[in-house]
Amino acid sequence: MNWWIDNRRKSYYAMNSLDQAGLINQLKILGNKDAELITSWQQRSGMSENSSPHTWSFIDNADLADWLSRLALKGTE
């Protein structure tokens, strides 16, 4: 969030963070035990100053693949 404030002068309301949290909350209310909100808080390294932070730019691809595989296997049980 600090990056958004410092570089774009934006608040939580200008991002989709609130919508994402609301979606996960609603899924859990409806009984989805696999819904999980993963937040990013670490500053990105190696990105240009004016580049926009994007989830795909700092996700651990192997960890995501493992997580998706576990969900897919769980769905076949």
C-alpha atoms as a PDB file:
ATOM      1  CA  MET A   1       0.000   0.000   0.000  1.00  0.00           C
ATOM      2  CA  ASN A   2       2.843   2.379   0.752  1.00  0.00           C
ATOM      3  CA  TRP A   3       4.101   1.953  -2.817  1.00  0.00           C
ATOM      4  CA  TRP A   4       0.693   2.949  -4.174  1.00  0.00           C
ATOM      5  CA  ILE A   5       0.557   6.017  -1.940  1.00  0.00           C
ATOM      6  CA  ASP A   6       4.120   7.131  -2.657  1.00  0.00           C
ATOM      7  CA  ASN A   7       4.184   6.432  -6.382  1.00  0.00           C
ATOM      8  CA  ARG A   8       0.585   6.752  -7.568  1.00  0.00           C
ATOM      9  CA  ARG A   9      -1.150   8.729  -4.799  1.00  0.00           C
ATOM     10  CA  LYS A  10      -3.824   6.032  -4.637  1.00  0.00           C
ATOM     11  CA  SER A  11      -5.724   4.545  -1.700  1.00  0.00           C
ATOM     12  CA  TYR A  12      -7.192   1.114  -1.053  1.00  0.00           C
ATOM     13  CA  TYR A  13     -10.359   2.318  -2.780  1.00  0.00           C
ATOM     14  CA  ALA A  14      -8.502   2.744  -6.093  1.00  0.00           C
ATOM     15  CA  MET A  15      -7.278  -0.843  -6.037  1.00  0.00           C
ATOM     16  CA  ASN A  16      -9.096  -4.161  -6.118  1.00  0.00           C
ATOM     17  CA  SER A  17      -7.861  -5.190  -2.652  1.00  0.00           C
ATOM     18  CA  LEU A  18     -11.192  -4.552  -0.965  1.00  0.00           C
ATOM     19  CA  ASP A  19     -13.028  -6.521  -3.653  1.00  0.00           C
ATOM     20  CA  GLN A  20     -10.617  -9.433  -3.322  1.00  0.00           C
ATOM     21  CA  ALA A  21     -11.035  -9.552   0.452  1.00  0.00           C
ATOM     22  CA  GLY A  22     -14.816  -9.361   0.075  1.00  0.00           C
ATOM     23  CA  LEU A  23     -14.802 -12.214  -2.457  1.00  0.00           C
ATOM     24  CA  ILE A  24     -12.766 -14.489  -0.187  1.00  0.00           C
ATOM     25  CA  ASN A  25     -14.967 -13.611   2.776  1.00  0.00           C
ATOM     26  CA  GLN A  26     -18.132 -14.419   0.811  1.00  0.00           C
ATOM     27  CA  LEU A  27     -16.676 -17.724  -0.412  1.00  0.00           C
ATOM     28  CA  LYS A  28     -15.863 -18.691   3.194  1.00  0.00           C
ATOM     29  CA  ILE A  29     -19.337 -17.684   4.365  1.00  0.00           C
ATOM     30  CA  LEU A  30     -20.740 -19.972   1.660  1.00  0.00           C
ATOM     31  CA  GLY A  31     -18.656 -22.844   3.008  1.00  0.00           C
ATOM     32  CA  ASN A  32     -15.629 -22.845   0.705  1.00  0.00           C
ATOM     33  CA  LYS A  33     -12.825 -24.197   2.874  1.00  0.00           C
ATOM     34  CA  ASP A  34     -10.204 -23.698   0.142  1.00  0.00           C
ATOM     35  CA  ALA A  35     -10.693 -19.948  -0.309  1.00  0.00           C
ATOM     36  CA  GLU A  36      -7.542 -18.143   0.705  1.00  0.00           C
ATOM     37  CA  LEU A  37      -6.536 -14.499   0.438  1.00  0.00           C
ATOM     38  CA  ILE A  38      -2.821 -14.156  -0.211  1.00  0.00           C
ATOM     39  CA  THR A  39      -1.530 -10.653   0.245  1.00  0.00           C
ATOM     40  CA  SER A  40       1.753  -9.186  -0.901  1.00  0.00           C
ATOM     41  CA  TRP A  41       3.581  -6.727   1.234  1.00  0.00           C
ATOM     42  CA  GLN A  42       7.232  -6.953   0.288  1.00  0.00           C
ATOM     43  CA  GLN A  43       8.796  -4.333  -1.915  1.00  0.00           C
ATOM     44  CA  ARG A  44       9.647  -5.625  -5.337  1.00  0.00           C
ATOM     45  CA  SER A  45      13.241  -5.582  -6.434  1.00  0.00           C
ATOM     46  CA  GLY A  46      14.514  -5.075  -9.959  1.00  0.00           C
ATOM     47  CA  MET A  47      11.452  -3.177 -11.158  1.00  0.00           C
ATOM     48  CA  SER A  48      11.578   0.299 -12.627  1.00  0.00           C
ATOM     49  CA  GLU A  49      10.344   3.142 -10.495  1.00  0.00           C
ATOM     50  CA  ASN A  50       7.223   3.825 -12.561  1.00  0.00           C
ATOM     51  CA  SER A  51       6.229   0.231 -13.169  1.00  0.00           C
ATOM     52  CA  SER A  52       2.993  -0.839 -11.598  1.00  0.00           C
ATOM     53  CA  PRO A  53       3.141  -3.608  -8.990  1.00  0.00           C
ATOM     54  CA  HIS A  54       1.334  -6.620 -10.301  1.00  0.00           C
ATOM     55  CA  THR A  55       0.625  -9.903  -8.578  1.00  0.00           C
ATOM     56  CA  TRP A  56       2.156 -11.945 -11.380  1.00  0.00           C
ATOM     57  CA  SER A  57       5.449 -10.062 -11.120  1.00  0.00           C
ATOM     58  CA  PHE A  58       6.259 -11.304  -7.651  1.00  0.00           C
ATOM     59  CA  ILE A  59       4.412 -14.574  -7.250  1.00  0.00           C
ATOM     60  CA  ASP A  60       6.396 -17.735  -6.568  1.00  0.00           C
ATOM     61  CA  ASN A  61       5.465 -19.752  -9.653  1.00  0.00           C
ATOM     62  CA  ALA A  62       6.456 -23.125  -8.166  1.00  0.00           C
ATOM     63  CA  ASP A  63       4.458 -22.435  -5.002  1.00  0.00           C
ATOM     64  CA  LEU A  64       1.414 -21.418  -7.064  1.00  0.00           C
ATOM     65  CA  ALA A  65       1.678 -24.577  -9.182  1.00  0.00           C
ATOM     66  CA  ASP A  66       1.897 -26.733  -6.046  1.00  0.00           C
ATOM     67  CA  TRP A  67      -1.120 -24.982  -4.516  1.00  0.00           C
ATOM     68  CA  LEU A  68      -3.185 -25.413  -7.688  1.00  0.00           C
ATOM     69  CA  SER A  69      -2.157 -29.085  -7.923  1.00  0.00           C
ATOM     70  CA  ARG A  70      -3.234 -29.711  -4.338  1.00  0.00           C
ATOM     71  CA  LEU A  71      -6.612 -28.104  -5.036  1.00  0.00           C
ATOM     72  CA  ALA A  72      -7.055 -30.117  -8.226  1.00  0.00           C
ATOM     73  CA  LEU A  73      -6.222 -33.370  -6.441  1.00  0.00           C
ATOM     74  CA  LYS A  74      -8.525 -32.479  -3.562  1.00  0.00           C
ATOM     75  CA  GLY A  75     -11.347 -31.968  -6.070  1.00  0.00           C
ATOM     76  CA  THR A  76     -10.966 -35.542  -7.343  1.00  0.00           C
ATOM     77  CA  GLU A  77     -11.365 -37.138  -3.917  1.00  0.00           C
END
